[in-house]
Every structure is written in C-alpha cells, then in structure tokens.
Amino acid sequence: MDLENVKAQMRKGVLEFTILAVLSKGDAYATDLLNKLKESELIVVEGTLYPLLTRQKNAGLLSYRWEESTQGPPRKYYALTEKGREVLKELQASWKGLIDSVNSLVNQ
C-alpha cells in the first residue's frame, strides 16, 4: 500500500468542501486560497486548484470579479454565491456525519 497516495487521496476528497469553507469567510484571490490550504497542511498546487475553482464556478457555487493590482496584472477574486452557501451547509452536515461514523469505527 502506498500510504502517501492514500493520504493524498484523502486530502483531495475534501478540497471542494474546504474551498467553499474558506470562501465563506470572505472573497479570496487564488493565491490566498492556496496559502490558506497550505497553512492547514492541505498542500495543493495551482494545477489542482484552478480546475476545482472552474468546476465550482460552472456549477454556480462561486462567482468572481477582477480587481486591479498594484503588483502586476488584475487579480480574479472568488466569492460564494447563494447556491454555494447552501451547498456548504449541506456539506458541513455530511462532514459531521462522516466524522462521527469514522470515529465510531476507529474508537471501537
């Protein structure tokens, strides 16, 4: 068993949820999202993040706006839509249930 691969797959499985959770705190630039995820040890690369953001935007969970930057080209800031907030609430409930289920098995 490739333990590192298993751990990476576990992290990938929660990325869409965690992106919504981070954006629930306020709008963010992709680099800000990457940094937040890395701070939480959910190590992500741009090649993983951007397709997720695009998928969430296409699903109506996120919107974005362009803002001028003093340090280069304009930046794309992402924000949760109302649908994104609803989906986040559902995912939070599912996450709690999953944690409870896993803990009940692990702690038997």
C-alpha atoms as a PDB file:
ATOM      1  CA  MET A   1       0.000   0.000   0.000  1.00  0.00           C
ATOM      2  CA  ASP A   2       1.276   3.435  -0.931  1.00  0.00           C
ATOM      3  CA  LEU A   3       0.497   5.331   2.272  1.00  0.00           C
ATOM      4  CA  GLU A   4       1.409   8.725   0.806  1.00  0.00           C
ATOM      5  CA  ASN A   5      -1.010   8.161  -2.070  1.00  0.00           C
ATOM      6  CA  VAL A   6      -3.800   7.216   0.338  1.00  0.00           C
ATOM      7  CA  LYS A   7      -3.196  10.379   2.377  1.00  0.00           C
ATOM      8  CA  ALA A   8      -3.138  12.496  -0.797  1.00  0.00           C
ATOM      9  CA  GLN A   9      -6.448  10.992  -1.922  1.00  0.00           C
ATOM     10  CA  MET A  10      -7.999  11.761   1.463  1.00  0.00           C
ATOM     11  CA  ARG A  11      -6.927  15.406   1.154  1.00  0.00           C
ATOM     12  CA  LYS A  12      -8.201  15.658  -2.421  1.00  0.00           C
ATOM     13  CA  GLY A  13     -11.552  14.303  -1.288  1.00  0.00           C
ATOM     14  CA  VAL A  14     -12.177  17.288   0.946  1.00  0.00           C
ATOM     15  CA  LEU A  15     -10.748  20.077  -1.222  1.00  0.00           C
ATOM     16  CA  GLU A  16     -14.027  21.192  -2.775  1.00  0.00           C
ATOM     17  CA  PHE A  17     -15.574  21.405   0.695  1.00  0.00           C
ATOM     18  CA  THR A  18     -12.612  23.279   2.167  1.00  0.00           C
ATOM     19  CA  ILE A  19     -12.539  25.798  -0.708  1.00  0.00           C
ATOM     20  CA  LEU A  20     -16.170  26.652  -0.018  1.00  0.00           C
ATOM     21  CA  ALA A  21     -15.418  26.873   3.711  1.00  0.00           C
ATOM     22  CA  VAL A  22     -12.515  29.279   3.168  1.00  0.00           C
ATOM     23  CA  LEU A  23     -14.581  31.450   0.831  1.00  0.00           C
ATOM     24  CA  SER A  24     -17.410  31.569   3.383  1.00  0.00           C
ATOM     25  CA  LYS A  25     -15.091  33.781   5.446  1.00  0.00           C
ATOM     26  CA  GLY A  26     -14.704  36.273   2.591  1.00  0.00           C
ATOM     27  CA  ASP A  27     -13.702  36.717  -1.030  1.00  0.00           C
ATOM     28  CA  ALA A  28     -10.239  35.478  -1.940  1.00  0.00           C
ATOM     29  CA  TYR A  29      -7.659  35.548  -4.705  1.00  0.00           C
ATOM     30  CA  ALA A  30      -6.440  32.101  -5.859  1.00  0.00           C
ATOM     31  CA  THR A  31      -3.028  32.637  -4.252  1.00  0.00           C
ATOM     32  CA  ASP A  32      -4.758  33.456  -0.957  1.00  0.00           C
ATOM     33  CA  LEU A  33      -6.689  30.200  -1.221  1.00  0.00           C
ATOM     34  CA  LEU A  34      -3.503  28.248  -1.929  1.00  0.00           C
ATOM     35  CA  ASN A  35      -1.798  29.808   1.090  1.00  0.00           C
ATOM     36  CA  LYS A  36      -4.747  29.071   3.405  1.00  0.00           C
ATOM     37  CA  LEU A  37      -4.869  25.470   2.264  1.00  0.00           C
ATOM     38  CA  LYS A  38      -1.111  25.078   2.698  1.00  0.00           C
ATOM     39  CA  GLU A  39      -1.275  26.621   6.196  1.00  0.00           C
ATOM     40  CA  SER A  40      -3.775  23.901   7.081  1.00  0.00           C
ATOM     41  CA  GLU A  41      -1.461  21.267   5.607  1.00  0.00           C
ATOM     42  CA  LEU A  42      -3.831  20.572   2.712  1.00  0.00           C
ATOM     43  CA  ILE A  43      -0.977  21.010   0.290  1.00  0.00           C
ATOM     44  CA  VAL A  44      -2.356  21.967  -3.100  1.00  0.00           C
ATOM     45  CA  VAL A  45      -0.727  23.093  -6.322  1.00  0.00           C
ATOM     46  CA  GLU A  46      -2.173  25.551  -8.828  1.00  0.00           C
ATOM     47  CA  GLY A  47      -2.793  22.718 -11.276  1.00  0.00           C
ATOM     48  CA  THR A  48      -5.199  21.178  -8.757  1.00  0.00           C
ATOM     49  CA  LEU A  49      -6.834  24.374  -7.516  1.00  0.00           C
ATOM     50  CA  TYR A  50      -7.770  26.087 -10.777  1.00  0.00           C
ATOM     51  CA  PRO A  51      -9.782  23.181 -12.237  1.00  0.00           C
ATOM     52  CA  LEU A  52     -11.676  22.914  -8.923  1.00  0.00           C
ATOM     53  CA  LEU A  53     -12.457  26.631  -8.943  1.00  0.00           C
ATOM     54  CA  THR A  54     -13.630  26.426 -12.554  1.00  0.00           C
ATOM     55  CA  ARG A  55     -15.823  23.418 -11.786  1.00  0.00           C
ATOM     56  CA  GLN A  56     -17.354  25.173  -8.767  1.00  0.00           C
ATOM     57  CA  LYS A  57     -17.945  28.350 -10.788  1.00  0.00           C
ATOM     58  CA  ASN A  58     -19.589  26.387 -13.604  1.00  0.00           C
ATOM     59  CA  ALA A  59     -21.816  24.676 -11.024  1.00  0.00           C
ATOM     60  CA  GLY A  60     -22.977  28.080  -9.795  1.00  0.00           C
ATOM     61  CA  LEU A  61     -21.280  27.761  -6.396  1.00  0.00           C
ATOM     62  CA  LEU A  62     -18.785  30.581  -6.985  1.00  0.00           C
ATOM     63  CA  SER A  63     -18.643  33.883  -8.775  1.00  0.00           C
ATOM     64  CA  TYR A  64     -15.610  36.016  -9.460  1.00  0.00           C
ATOM     65  CA  ARG A  65     -14.634  39.582 -10.146  1.00  0.00           C
ATOM     66  CA  TRP A  66     -11.486  41.207 -11.476  1.00  0.00           C
ATOM     67  CA  GLU A  67      -9.636  43.774  -9.347  1.00  0.00           C
ATOM     68  CA  GLU A  68      -6.709  45.907 -10.346  1.00  0.00           C
ATOM     69  CA  SER A  69      -3.468  45.111  -8.537  1.00  0.00           C
ATOM     70  CA  THR A  70      -0.625  47.435  -7.639  1.00  0.00           C
ATOM     71  CA  GLN A  71       1.746  44.474  -8.004  1.00  0.00           C
ATOM     72  CA  GLY A  72       1.027  43.273 -11.522  1.00  0.00           C
ATOM     73  CA  PRO A  73      -1.944  42.292 -13.649  1.00  0.00           C
ATOM     74  CA  PRO A  74      -5.549  42.376 -12.408  1.00  0.00           C
ATOM     75  CA  ARG A  75      -6.491  39.622  -9.974  1.00  0.00           C
ATOM     76  CA  LYS A  76      -9.509  37.350 -10.046  1.00  0.00           C
ATOM     77  CA  TYR A  77     -11.275  37.260  -6.669  1.00  0.00           C
ATOM     78  CA  TYR A  78     -13.665  34.396  -5.946  1.00  0.00           C
ATOM     79  CA  ALA A  79     -16.803  34.617  -3.816  1.00  0.00           C
ATOM     80  CA  LEU A  80     -19.518  32.201  -2.724  1.00  0.00           C
ATOM     81  CA  THR A  81     -22.886  32.512  -4.381  1.00  0.00           C
ATOM     82  CA  GLU A  82     -26.117  31.863  -2.504  1.00  0.00           C
ATOM     83  CA  LYS A  83     -26.152  28.380  -4.018  1.00  0.00           C
ATOM     84  CA  GLY A  84     -22.567  27.913  -2.806  1.00  0.00           C
ATOM     85  CA  ARG A  85     -23.626  28.825   0.741  1.00  0.00           C
ATOM     86  CA  GLU A  86     -26.475  26.294   0.592  1.00  0.00           C
ATOM     87  CA  VAL A  87     -24.174  23.556  -0.692  1.00  0.00           C
ATOM     88  CA  LEU A  88     -21.622  24.405   2.017  1.00  0.00           C
ATOM     89  CA  LYS A  89     -24.294  23.942   4.715  1.00  0.00           C
ATOM     90  CA  GLU A  90     -25.168  20.534   3.285  1.00  0.00           C
ATOM     91  CA  LEU A  91     -21.500  19.538   3.098  1.00  0.00           C
ATOM     92  CA  GLN A  92     -20.926  20.657   6.689  1.00  0.00           C
ATOM     93  CA  ALA A  93     -23.753  18.389   7.866  1.00  0.00           C
ATOM     94  CA  SER A  94     -22.390  15.497   5.779  1.00  0.00           C
ATOM     95  CA  TRP A  95     -18.883  16.127   7.090  1.00  0.00           C
ATOM     96  CA  LYS A  96     -20.081  15.959  10.703  1.00  0.00           C
ATOM     97  CA  GLY A  97     -21.882  12.687   9.983  1.00  0.00           C
ATOM     98  CA  LEU A  98     -18.799  11.264   8.274  1.00  0.00           C
ATOM     99  CA  ILE A  99     -16.538  12.243  11.166  1.00  0.00           C
ATOM    100  CA  ASP A 100     -18.935  10.676  13.662  1.00  0.00           C
ATOM    101  CA  SER A 101     -19.142   7.460  11.618  1.00  0.00           C
ATOM    102  CA  VAL A 102     -15.384   7.168  11.172  1.00  0.00           C
ATOM    103  CA  ASN A 103     -14.717   7.953  14.831  1.00  0.00           C
ATOM    104  CA  SER A 104     -17.210   5.316  15.957  1.00  0.00           C
ATOM    105  CA  LEU A 105     -15.349   2.710  13.882  1.00  0.00           C
ATOM    106  CA  VAL A 106     -11.848   3.853  14.799  1.00  0.00           C
ATOM    107  CA  ASN A 107     -12.614   4.101  18.514  1.00  0.00           C
ATOM    108  CA  GLN A 108     -14.325   0.706  18.933  1.00  0.00           C
END
